Amino acid sequence: MIAIYCRDHHHAHAPCEQCAGLEAYALERIDKCVYGAEKPTCVNCPIHCYKRDRREAVREVMRYAGPRMLRRHPILALMHLIDGRRPALAEIPRRKAHRVLA
């Protein structure tokens, strides 16, 4: 989605520095999500992982690129719509502590 947004707004073939930074931030937050593989879409998530300014930037990207995903990546768009219908878990899972092997 970020690549679609950047290509159309910043006229770049690859994500520009600003969009690459937003993508890196989003991937970092997803990696740290307490839900792990069971992560709901952000709209349905009770925990807001992103800082307010980054959340607004991601919303703008999604608002623009979401409808265009149907044309460029229909299967991914359909999977995202299906994921959006899945509710968040009632209880927030605890992350497992990493064991240090000596």
PDB file of N, CA and C in Angstrom:
ATOM      1  N   MET A   1       0.824  -1.191   0.000  1.00  0.00           N
ATOM      2  CA  MET A   1       0.000   0.000   0.000  1.00  0.00           C
ATOM      3  C   MET A   1       0.870   1.257   0.000  1.00  0.00           C
ATOM      4  N   ILE A   2       1.951   1.204   0.751  1.00  0.00           N
ATOM      5  CA  ILE A   2       2.834   2.367   0.815  1.00  0.00           C
ATOM      6  C   ILE A   2       3.482   2.612  -0.546  1.00  0.00           C
ATOM      7  N   ALA A   3       3.847   1.542  -1.248  1.00  0.00           N
ATOM      8  CA  ALA A   3       4.454   1.693  -2.573  1.00  0.00           C
ATOM      9  C   ALA A   3       3.472   2.334  -3.554  1.00  0.00           C
ATOM     10  N   ILE A   4       2.209   1.931  -3.500  1.00  0.00           N
ATOM     11  CA  ILE A   4       1.188   2.519  -4.380  1.00  0.00           C
ATOM     12  C   ILE A   4       1.026   4.002  -4.063  1.00  0.00           C
ATOM     13  N   TYR A   5       0.920   4.328  -2.797  1.00  0.00           N
ATOM     14  CA  TYR A   5       0.756   5.715  -2.375  1.00  0.00           C
ATOM     15  C   TYR A   5       1.954   6.563  -2.809  1.00  0.00           C
ATOM     16  N   CYS A   6       3.151   6.070  -2.545  1.00  0.00           N
ATOM     17  CA  CYS A   6       4.361   6.838  -2.848  1.00  0.00           C
ATOM     18  C   CYS A   6       4.518   7.044  -4.358  1.00  0.00           C
ATOM     19  N   ARG A   7       4.261   5.998  -5.124  1.00  0.00           N
ATOM     20  CA  ARG A   7       4.390   6.112  -6.580  1.00  0.00           C
ATOM     21  C   ARG A   7       3.461   7.200  -7.116  1.00  0.00           C
ATOM     22  N   ASP A   8       2.229   7.242  -6.629  1.00  0.00           N
ATOM     23  CA  ASP A   8       1.254   8.194  -7.146  1.00  0.00           C
ATOM     24  C   ASP A   8       1.396   9.598  -6.563  1.00  0.00           C
ATOM     25  N   HIS A   9       1.897   9.726  -5.338  1.00  0.00           N
ATOM     26  CA  HIS A   9       2.005  11.041  -4.713  1.00  0.00           C
ATOM     27  C   HIS A   9       3.397  11.665  -4.813  1.00  0.00           C
ATOM     28  N   HIS A  10       4.407  10.826  -4.784  1.00  0.00           N
ATOM     29  CA  HIS A  10       5.776  11.350  -4.796  1.00  0.00           C
ATOM     30  C   HIS A  10       6.501  11.045  -6.103  1.00  0.00           C
ATOM     31  N   HIS A  11       5.802  10.383  -7.020  1.00  0.00           N
ATOM     32  CA  HIS A  11       6.324  10.079  -8.355  1.00  0.00           C
ATOM     33  C   HIS A  11       7.675   9.374  -8.298  1.00  0.00           C
ATOM     34  N   ALA A  12       7.787   8.415  -7.396  1.00  0.00           N
ATOM     35  CA  ALA A  12       9.029   7.658  -7.230  1.00  0.00           C
ATOM     36  C   ALA A  12       8.786   6.205  -7.625  1.00  0.00           C
ATOM     37  N   HIS A  13       9.782   5.586  -8.248  1.00  0.00           N
ATOM     38  CA  HIS A  13       9.653   4.174  -8.628  1.00  0.00           C
ATOM     39  C   HIS A  13       9.830   3.263  -7.416  1.00  0.00           C
ATOM     40  N   ALA A  14      10.611   3.709  -6.463  1.00  0.00           N
ATOM     41  CA  ALA A  14      10.790   2.991  -5.197  1.00  0.00           C
ATOM     42  C   ALA A  14      10.327   3.934  -4.094  1.00  0.00           C
ATOM     43  N   PRO A  15       9.925   3.403  -2.937  1.00  0.00           N
ATOM     44  CA  PRO A  15       9.483   4.302  -1.861  1.00  0.00           C
ATOM     45  C   PRO A  15      10.543   5.351  -1.521  1.00  0.00           C
ATOM     46  N   CYS A  16      10.093   6.592  -1.410  1.00  0.00           N
ATOM     47  CA  CYS A  16      10.994   7.694  -1.053  1.00  0.00           C
ATOM     48  C   CYS A  16      11.433   7.528   0.403  1.00  0.00           C
ATOM     49  N   GLU A  17      12.307   8.402   0.858  1.00  0.00           N
ATOM     50  CA  GLU A  17      12.841   8.300   2.214  1.00  0.00           C
ATOM     51  C   GLU A  17      11.730   8.371   3.270  1.00  0.00           C
ATOM     52  N   GLN A  18      10.799   9.290   3.075  1.00  0.00           N
ATOM     53  CA  GLN A  18       9.695   9.456   4.027  1.00  0.00           C
ATOM     54  C   GLN A  18       8.809   8.207   4.073  1.00  0.00           C
ATOM     55  N   CYS A  19       8.456   7.685   2.922  1.00  0.00           N
ATOM     56  CA  CYS A  19       7.593   6.505   2.867  1.00  0.00           C
ATOM     57  C   CYS A  19       8.334   5.254   3.336  1.00  0.00           C
ATOM     58  N   ALA A  20       9.616   5.152   3.034  1.00  0.00           N
ATOM     59  CA  ALA A  20      10.414   4.020   3.509  1.00  0.00           C
ATOM     60  C   ALA A  20      10.492   4.046   5.039  1.00  0.00           C
ATOM     61  N   GLY A  21      10.607   5.232   5.615  1.00  0.00           N
ATOM     62  CA  GLY A  21      10.619   5.357   7.068  1.00  0.00           C
ATOM     63  C   GLY A  21       9.299   4.941   7.683  1.00  0.00           C
ATOM     64  N   LEU A  22       8.196   5.314   7.047  1.00  0.00           N
ATOM     65  CA  LEU A  22       6.868   4.914   7.535  1.00  0.00           C
ATOM     66  C   LEU A  22       6.705   3.400   7.452  1.00  0.00           C
ATOM     67  N   GLU A  23       7.182   2.814   6.366  1.00  0.00           N
ATOM     68  CA  GLU A  23       7.096   1.365   6.202  1.00  0.00           C
ATOM     69  C   GLU A  23       7.938   0.641   7.263  1.00  0.00           C
ATOM     70  N   ALA A  24       9.145   1.132   7.508  1.00  0.00           N
ATOM     71  CA  ALA A  24      10.009   0.521   8.524  1.00  0.00           C
ATOM     72  C   ALA A  24       9.360   0.619   9.907  1.00  0.00           C
ATOM     73  N   TYR A  25       8.763   1.763  10.199  1.00  0.00           N
ATOM     74  CA  TYR A  25       8.079   1.954  11.481  1.00  0.00           C
ATOM     75  C   TYR A  25       6.907   0.979  11.611  1.00  0.00           C
ATOM     76  N   ALA A  26       6.107   0.842  10.552  1.00  0.00           N
ATOM     77  CA  ALA A  26       4.949  -0.052  10.578  1.00  0.00           C
ATOM     78  C   ALA A  26       5.394  -1.503  10.782  1.00  0.00           C
ATOM     79  N   LEU A  27       6.431  -1.931  10.088  1.00  0.00           N
ATOM     80  CA  LEU A  27       6.917  -3.301  10.238  1.00  0.00           C
ATOM     81  C   LEU A  27       7.456  -3.549  11.642  1.00  0.00           C
ATOM     82  N   GLU A  28       8.127  -2.554  12.210  1.00  0.00           N
ATOM     83  CA  GLU A  28       8.641  -2.669  13.577  1.00  0.00           C
ATOM     84  C   GLU A  28       7.492  -2.837  14.571  1.00  0.00           C
ATOM     85  N   ARG A  29       6.439  -2.037  14.402  1.00  0.00           N
ATOM     86  CA  ARG A  29       5.291  -2.116  15.311  1.00  0.00           C
ATOM     87  C   ARG A  29       4.568  -3.459  15.165  1.00  0.00           C
ATOM     88  N   ILE A  30       4.453  -3.967  13.947  1.00  0.00           N
ATOM     89  CA  ILE A  30       3.809  -5.255  13.716  1.00  0.00           C
ATOM     90  C   ILE A  30       4.613  -6.369  14.382  1.00  0.00           C
ATOM     91  N   ASP A  31       5.933  -6.293  14.283  1.00  0.00           N
ATOM     92  CA  ASP A  31       6.795  -7.303  14.918  1.00  0.00           C
ATOM     93  C   ASP A  31       6.621  -7.315  16.432  1.00  0.00           C
ATOM     94  N   LYS A  32       6.325  -6.167  17.027  1.00  0.00           N
ATOM     95  CA  LYS A  32       6.197  -6.069  18.476  1.00  0.00           C
ATOM     96  C   LYS A  32       4.762  -6.249  18.970  1.00  0.00           C
ATOM     97  N   CYS A  33       3.847  -6.537  18.081  1.00  0.00           N
ATOM     98  CA  CYS A  33       2.438  -6.669  18.446  1.00  0.00           C
ATOM     99  C   CYS A  33       2.234  -7.833  19.406  1.00  0.00           C
ATOM    100  N   VAL A  34       1.482  -7.602  20.472  1.00  0.00           N
ATOM    101  CA  VAL A  34       1.227  -8.649  21.461  1.00  0.00           C
ATOM    102  C   VAL A  34       0.340  -9.762  20.907  1.00  0.00           C
ATOM    103  N   TYR A  35      -0.416  -9.504  19.869  1.00  0.00           N
ATOM    104  CA  TYR A  35      -1.286 -10.513  19.282  1.00  0.00           C
ATOM    105  C   TYR A  35      -0.534 -11.501  18.407  1.00  0.00           C
ATOM    106  N   GLY A  36       0.635 -11.140  17.935  1.00  0.00           N
ATOM    107  CA  GLY A  36       1.423 -12.041  17.090  1.00  0.00           C
ATOM    108  C   GLY A  36       0.681 -12.398  15.819  1.00  0.00           C
ATOM    109  N   ALA A  37       0.628 -13.684  15.505  1.00  0.00           N
ATOM    110  CA  ALA A  37      -0.013 -14.152  14.273  1.00  0.00           C
ATOM    111  C   ALA A  37      -1.524 -13.949  14.296  1.00  0.00           C
ATOM    112  N   GLU A  38      -2.108 -13.792  15.469  1.00  0.00           N
ATOM    113  CA  GLU A  38      -3.553 -13.597  15.603  1.00  0.00           C
ATOM    114  C   GLU A  38      -3.941 -12.124  15.552  1.00  0.00           C
ATOM    115  N   LYS A  39      -3.040 -11.272  15.083  1.00  0.00           N
ATOM    116  CA  LYS A  39      -3.271  -9.828  15.052  1.00  0.00           C
ATOM    117  C   LYS A  39      -4.497  -9.477  14.220  1.00  0.00           C
ATOM    118  N   PRO A  40      -5.433  -8.741  14.802  1.00  0.00           N
ATOM    119  CA  PRO A  40      -6.575  -8.255  14.017  1.00  0.00           C
ATOM    120  C   PRO A  40      -6.137  -7.036  13.198  1.00  0.00           C
ATOM    121  N   THR A  41      -6.981  -6.596  12.293  1.00  0.00           N
ATOM    122  CA  THR A  41      -6.658  -5.363  11.580  1.00  0.00           C
ATOM    123  C   THR A  41      -6.655  -4.219  12.591  1.00  0.00           C
ATOM    124  N   CYS A  42      -5.938  -3.169  12.283  1.00  0.00           N
ATOM    125  CA  CYS A  42      -5.770  -2.063  13.231  1.00  0.00           C
ATOM    126  C   CYS A  42      -7.105  -1.440  13.643  1.00  0.00           C
ATOM    127  N   VAL A  43      -8.068  -1.410  12.735  1.00  0.00           N
ATOM    128  CA  VAL A  43      -9.368  -0.832  13.036  1.00  0.00           C
ATOM    129  C   VAL A  43     -10.052  -1.607  14.165  1.00  0.00           C
ATOM    130  N   ASN A  44      -9.861  -2.920  14.201  1.00  0.00           N
ATOM    131  CA  ASN A  44     -10.514  -3.764  15.201  1.00  0.00           C
ATOM    132  C   ASN A  44      -9.651  -4.019  16.425  1.00  0.00           C
ATOM    133  N   CYS A  45      -8.483  -3.457  16.483  1.00  0.00           N
ATOM    134  CA  CYS A  45      -7.550  -3.740  17.567  1.00  0.00           C
ATOM    135  C   CYS A  45      -7.782  -2.787  18.747  1.00  0.00           C
ATOM    136  N   PRO A  46      -7.853  -3.323  19.972  1.00  0.00           N
ATOM    137  CA  PRO A  46      -8.052  -2.455  21.134  1.00  0.00           C
ATOM    138  C   PRO A  46      -6.784  -1.707  21.558  1.00  0.00           C
ATOM    139  N   ILE A  47      -5.638  -2.129  21.032  1.00  0.00           N
ATOM    140  CA  ILE A  47      -4.367  -1.496  21.375  1.00  0.00           C
ATOM    141  C   ILE A  47      -3.890  -0.675  20.174  1.00  0.00           C
ATOM    142  N   HIS A  48      -3.568   0.582  20.409  1.00  0.00           N
ATOM    143  CA  HIS A  48      -3.044   1.413  19.325  1.00  0.00           C
ATOM    144  C   HIS A  48      -1.530   1.449  19.433  1.00  0.00           C
ATOM    145  N   CYS A  49      -0.879   0.771  18.509  1.00  0.00           N
ATOM    146  CA  CYS A  49       0.578   0.619  18.540  1.00  0.00           C
ATOM    147  C   CYS A  49       1.303   1.849  18.011  1.00  0.00           C
ATOM    148  N   TYR A  50       0.670   2.563  17.093  1.00  0.00           N
ATOM    149  CA  TYR A  50       1.338   3.664  16.412  1.00  0.00           C
ATOM    150  C   TYR A  50       1.188   4.965  17.194  1.00  0.00           C
ATOM    151  N   LYS A  51       2.199   5.808  17.100  1.00  0.00           N
ATOM    152  CA  LYS A  51       2.086   7.162  17.638  1.00  0.00           C
ATOM    153  C   LYS A  51       1.048   7.898  16.798  1.00  0.00           C
ATOM    154  N   ARG A  52       0.447   8.929  17.375  1.00  0.00           N
ATOM    155  CA  ARG A  52      -0.662   9.620  16.721  1.00  0.00           C
ATOM    156  C   ARG A  52      -0.307  10.124  15.309  1.00  0.00           C
ATOM    157  N   ASP A  53       0.856  10.754  15.143  1.00  0.00           N
ATOM    158  CA  ASP A  53       1.204  11.293  13.823  1.00  0.00           C
ATOM    159  C   ASP A  53       1.420  10.180  12.810  1.00  0.00           C
ATOM    160  N   ARG A  54       2.023   9.091  13.239  1.00  0.00           N
ATOM    161  CA  ARG A  54       2.244   7.954  12.331  1.00  0.00           C
ATOM    162  C   ARG A  54       0.911   7.270  12.009  1.00  0.00           C
ATOM    163  N   ARG A  55       0.020   7.209  12.978  1.00  0.00           N
ATOM    164  CA  ARG A  55      -1.295   6.606  12.756  1.00  0.00           C
ATOM    165  C   ARG A  55      -2.049   7.370  11.674  1.00  0.00           C
ATOM    166  N   GLU A  56      -1.981   8.693  11.734  1.00  0.00           N
ATOM    167  CA  GLU A  56      -2.643   9.514  10.716  1.00  0.00           C
ATOM    168  C   GLU A  56      -2.019   9.308   9.341  1.00  0.00           C
ATOM    169  N   ALA A  57      -0.693   9.189   9.294  1.00  0.00           N
ATOM    170  CA  ALA A  57      -0.008   8.959   8.019  1.00  0.00           C
ATOM    171  C   ALA A  57      -0.416   7.614   7.426  1.00  0.00           C
ATOM    172  N   VAL A  58      -0.491   6.581   8.263  1.00  0.00           N
ATOM    173  CA  VAL A  58      -0.889   5.256   7.784  1.00  0.00           C
ATOM    174  C   VAL A  58      -2.342   5.282   7.324  1.00  0.00           C
ATOM    175  N   ARG A  59      -3.201   5.989   8.045  1.00  0.00           N
ATOM    176  CA  ARG A  59      -4.606   6.112   7.619  1.00  0.00           C
ATOM    177  C   ARG A  59      -4.706   6.762   6.242  1.00  0.00           C
ATOM    178  N   GLU A  60      -3.924   7.810   6.033  1.00  0.00           N
ATOM    179  CA  GLU A  60      -3.943   8.495   4.735  1.00  0.00           C
ATOM    180  C   GLU A  60      -3.496   7.550   3.618  1.00  0.00           C
ATOM    181  N   VAL A  61      -2.440   6.805   3.863  1.00  0.00           N
ATOM    182  CA  VAL A  61      -1.952   5.840   2.875  1.00  0.00           C
ATOM    183  C   VAL A  61      -3.022   4.793   2.592  1.00  0.00           C
ATOM    184  N   MET A  62      -3.623   4.248   3.645  1.00  0.00           N
ATOM    185  CA  MET A  62      -4.622   3.194   3.468  1.00  0.00           C
ATOM    186  C   MET A  62      -5.880   3.713   2.773  1.00  0.00           C
ATOM    187  N   ARG A  63      -6.268   4.924   3.114  1.00  0.00           N
ATOM    188  CA  ARG A  63      -7.453   5.516   2.491  1.00  0.00           C
ATOM    189  C   ARG A  63      -7.255   5.668   0.986  1.00  0.00           C
ATOM    190  N   TYR A  64      -6.032   6.033   0.594  1.00  0.00           N
ATOM    191  CA  TYR A  64      -5.743   6.211  -0.822  1.00  0.00           C
ATOM    192  C   TYR A  64      -5.522   4.868  -1.517  1.00  0.00           C
ATOM    193  N   ALA A  65      -4.652   4.036  -0.940  1.00  0.00           N
ATOM    194  CA  ALA A  65      -4.215   2.821  -1.621  1.00  0.00           C
ATOM    195  C   ALA A  65      -5.201   1.665  -1.502  1.00  0.00           C
ATOM    196  N   GLY A  66      -6.029   1.659  -0.466  1.00  0.00           N
ATOM    197  CA  GLY A  66      -6.966   0.561  -0.265  1.00  0.00           C
ATOM    198  C   GLY A  66      -7.821   0.243  -1.477  1.00  0.00           C
ATOM    199  N   PRO A  67      -8.557   1.220  -2.013  1.00  0.00           N
ATOM    200  CA  PRO A  67      -9.380   0.940  -3.188  1.00  0.00           C
ATOM    201  C   PRO A  67      -8.553   0.535  -4.417  1.00  0.00           C
ATOM    202  N   ARG A  68      -7.347   1.018  -4.514  1.00  0.00           N
ATOM    203  CA  ARG A  68      -6.485   0.702  -5.656  1.00  0.00           C
ATOM    204  C   ARG A  68      -5.879  -0.704  -5.538  1.00  0.00           C
ATOM    205  N   MET A  69      -5.884  -1.244  -4.328  1.00  0.00           N
ATOM    206  CA  MET A  69      -5.373  -2.597  -4.121  1.00  0.00           C
ATOM    207  C   MET A  69      -6.237  -3.622  -4.857  1.00  0.00           C
ATOM    208  N   LEU A  70      -7.528  -3.364  -4.964  1.00  0.00           N
ATOM    209  CA  LEU A  70      -8.410  -4.297  -5.660  1.00  0.00           C
ATOM    210  C   LEU A  70      -7.966  -4.518  -7.098  1.00  0.00           C
ATOM    211  N   ARG A  71      -7.477  -3.487  -7.723  1.00  0.00           N
ATOM    212  CA  ARG A  71      -7.050  -3.580  -9.118  1.00  0.00           C
ATOM    213  C   ARG A  71      -5.640  -4.158  -9.239  1.00  0.00           C
ATOM    214  N   ARG A  72      -4.729  -3.750  -8.350  1.00  0.00           N
ATOM    215  CA  ARG A  72      -3.325  -4.155  -8.469  1.00  0.00           C
ATOM    216  C   ARG A  72      -3.021  -5.496  -7.800  1.00  0.00           C
ATOM    217  N   HIS A  73      -3.639  -5.762  -6.663  1.00  0.00           N
ATOM    218  CA  HIS A  73      -3.393  -6.999  -5.908  1.00  0.00           C
ATOM    219  C   HIS A  73      -4.720  -7.519  -5.354  1.00  0.00           C
ATOM    220  N   PRO A  74      -5.585  -8.036  -6.209  1.00  0.00           N
ATOM    221  CA  PRO A  74      -6.937  -8.407  -5.762  1.00  0.00           C
ATOM    222  C   PRO A  74      -6.956  -9.464  -4.663  1.00  0.00           C
ATOM    223  N   ILE A  75      -6.068 -10.435  -4.688  1.00  0.00           N
ATOM    224  CA  ILE A  75      -6.084 -11.480  -3.672  1.00  0.00           C
ATOM    225  C   ILE A  75      -5.687 -10.905  -2.309  1.00  0.00           C
ATOM    226  N   LEU A  76      -4.651 -10.071  -2.280  1.00  0.00           N
ATOM    227  CA  LEU A  76      -4.249  -9.438  -1.015  1.00  0.00           C
ATOM    228  C   LEU A  76      -5.357  -8.542  -0.473  1.00  0.00           C
ATOM    229  N   ALA A  77      -6.015  -7.806  -1.366  1.00  0.00           N
ATOM    230  CA  ALA A  77      -7.104  -6.930  -0.940  1.00  0.00           C
ATOM    231  C   ALA A  77      -8.254  -7.748  -0.359  1.00  0.00           C
ATOM    232  N   LEU A  78      -8.576  -8.847  -0.993  1.00  0.00           N
ATOM    233  CA  LEU A  78      -9.651  -9.709  -0.505  1.00  0.00           C
ATOM    234  C   LEU A  78      -9.284 -10.316   0.853  1.00  0.00           C
ATOM    235  N   MET A  79      -8.041 -10.755   1.001  1.00  0.00           N
ATOM    236  CA  MET A  79      -7.600 -11.318   2.280  1.00  0.00           C
ATOM    237  C   MET A  79      -7.670 -10.261   3.386  1.00  0.00           C
ATOM    238  N   HIS A  80      -7.328  -9.016   3.065  1.00  0.00           N
ATOM    239  CA  HIS A  80      -7.395  -7.944   4.057  1.00  0.00           C
ATOM    240  C   HIS A  80      -8.844  -7.680   4.463  1.00  0.00           C
ATOM    241  N   LEU A  81      -9.757  -7.709   3.515  1.00  0.00           N
ATOM    242  CA  LEU A  81     -11.169  -7.511   3.835  1.00  0.00           C
ATOM    243  C   LEU A  81     -11.693  -8.637   4.732  1.00  0.00           C
ATOM    244  N   ILE A  82     -11.275  -9.859   4.455  1.00  0.00           N
ATOM    245  CA  ILE A  82     -11.693 -10.998   5.288  1.00  0.00           C
ATOM    246  C   ILE A  82     -11.108 -10.853   6.688  1.00  0.00           C
ATOM    247  N   ASP A  83      -9.826 -10.485   6.786  1.00  0.00           N
ATOM    248  CA  ASP A  83      -9.194 -10.270   8.096  1.00  0.00           C
ATOM    249  C   ASP A  83      -9.902  -9.173   8.878  1.00  0.00           C
ATOM    250  N   GLY A  84     -10.399  -8.174   8.181  1.00  0.00           N
ATOM    251  CA  GLY A  84     -11.081  -7.058   8.829  1.00  0.00           C
ATOM    252  C   GLY A  84     -12.381  -7.459   9.495  1.00  0.00           C
ATOM    253  N   ARG A  85     -12.928  -8.573   9.101  1.00  0.00           N
ATOM    254  CA  ARG A  85     -14.183  -9.044   9.703  1.00  0.00           C
ATOM    255  C   ARG A  85     -13.936  -9.880  10.951  1.00  0.00           C
ATOM    256  N   ARG A  86     -12.678 -10.256  11.169  1.00  0.00           N
ATOM    257  CA  ARG A  86     -12.333 -11.062  12.349  1.00  0.00           C
ATOM    258  C   ARG A  86     -12.175 -10.141  13.553  1.00  0.00           C
ATOM    259  N   PRO A  87     -12.917 -10.406  14.629  1.00  0.00           N
ATOM    260  CA  PRO A  87     -12.805  -9.539  15.814  1.00  0.00           C
ATOM    261  C   PRO A  87     -11.503  -9.806  16.564  1.00  0.00           C
ATOM    262  N   ALA A  88     -11.106  -8.846  17.374  1.00  0.00           N
ATOM    263  CA  ALA A  88      -9.928  -9.009  18.222  1.00  0.00           C
ATOM    264  C   ALA A  88     -10.242 -10.008  19.319  1.00  0.00           C
ATOM    265  N   LEU A  89      -9.230 -10.648  19.833  1.00  0.00           N
ATOM    266  CA  LEU A  89      -9.418 -11.571  20.949  1.00  0.00           C
ATOM    267  C   LEU A  89      -9.909 -10.803  22.164  1.00  0.00           C
ATOM    268  N   ALA A  90     -10.749 -11.424  22.960  1.00  0.00           N
ATOM    269  CA  ALA A  90     -11.288 -10.758  24.141  1.00  0.00           C
ATOM    270  C   ALA A  90     -10.187 -10.468  25.159  1.00  0.00           C
ATOM    271  N   GLU A  91      -9.237 -11.376  25.253  1.00  0.00           N
ATOM    272  CA  GLU A  91      -8.150 -11.213  26.206  1.00  0.00           C
ATOM    273  C   GLU A  91      -6.853 -10.976  25.451  1.00  0.00           C
ATOM    274  N   ILE A  92      -6.084 -10.034  25.908  1.00  0.00           N
ATOM    275  CA  ILE A  92      -4.813  -9.739  25.263  1.00  0.00           C
ATOM    276  C   ILE A  92      -3.807 -10.803  25.680  1.00  0.00           C
ATOM    277  N   PRO A  93      -3.215 -11.491  24.700  1.00  0.00           N
ATOM    278  CA  PRO A  93      -2.264 -12.542  25.050  1.00  0.00           C
ATOM    279  C   PRO A  93      -0.979 -11.960  25.623  1.00  0.00           C
ATOM    280  N   ARG A  94      -0.368 -12.708  26.496  1.00  0.00           N
ATOM    281  CA  ARG A  94       0.928 -12.289  27.044  1.00  0.00           C
ATOM    282  C   ARG A  94       2.023 -12.824  26.140  1.00  0.00           C
ATOM    283  N   ARG A  95       3.014 -11.988  25.906  1.00  0.00           N
ATOM    284  CA  ARG A  95       4.145 -12.424  25.096  1.00  0.00           C
ATOM    285  C   ARG A  95       4.984 -13.390  25.912  1.00  0.00           C
ATOM    286  N   LYS A  96       5.453 -14.411  25.261  1.00  0.00           N
ATOM    287  CA  LYS A  96       6.322 -15.370  25.927  1.00  0.00           C
ATOM    288  C   LYS A  96       7.711 -14.762  26.073  1.00  0.00           C
ATOM    289  N   ALA A  97       8.309 -14.942  27.239  1.00  0.00           N
ATOM    290  CA  ALA A  97       9.653 -14.444  27.464  1.00  0.00           C
ATOM    291  C   ALA A  97      10.636 -15.291  26.660  1.00  0.00           C
ATOM    292  N   HIS A  98      11.607 -14.635  26.092  1.00  0.00           N
ATOM    293  CA  HIS A  98      12.641 -15.347  25.355  1.00  0.00           C
ATOM    294  C   HIS A  98      13.597 -16.005  26.343  1.00  0.00           C
ATOM    295  N   ARG A  99      13.862 -17.247  26.116  1.00  0.00           N
ATOM    296  CA  ARG A  99      14.780 -17.967  27.001  1.00  0.00           C
ATOM    297  C   ARG A  99      16.194 -17.794  26.490  1.00  0.00           C
ATOM    298  N   VAL A 100      17.075 -17.537  27.387  1.00  0.00           N
ATOM    299  CA  VAL A 100      18.486 -17.387  27.057  1.00  0.00           C
ATOM    300  C   VAL A 100      19.157 -18.713  27.358  1.00  0.00           C
ATOM    301  N   LEU A 101      19.744 -19.290  26.336  1.00  0.00           N
ATOM    302  CA  LEU A 101      20.444 -20.561  26.515  1.00  0.00           C
ATOM    303  C   LEU A 101      21.879 -20.287  26.904  1.00  0.00           C
ATOM    304  N   ALA A 102      22.336 -20.915  27.965  1.00  0.00           N
ATOM    305  CA  ALA A 102      23.709 -20.683  28.429  1.00  0.00           C
ATOM    306  C   ALA A 102      24.628 -21.757  27.921  1.00  0.00           C
TER     307      ALA A 102
END
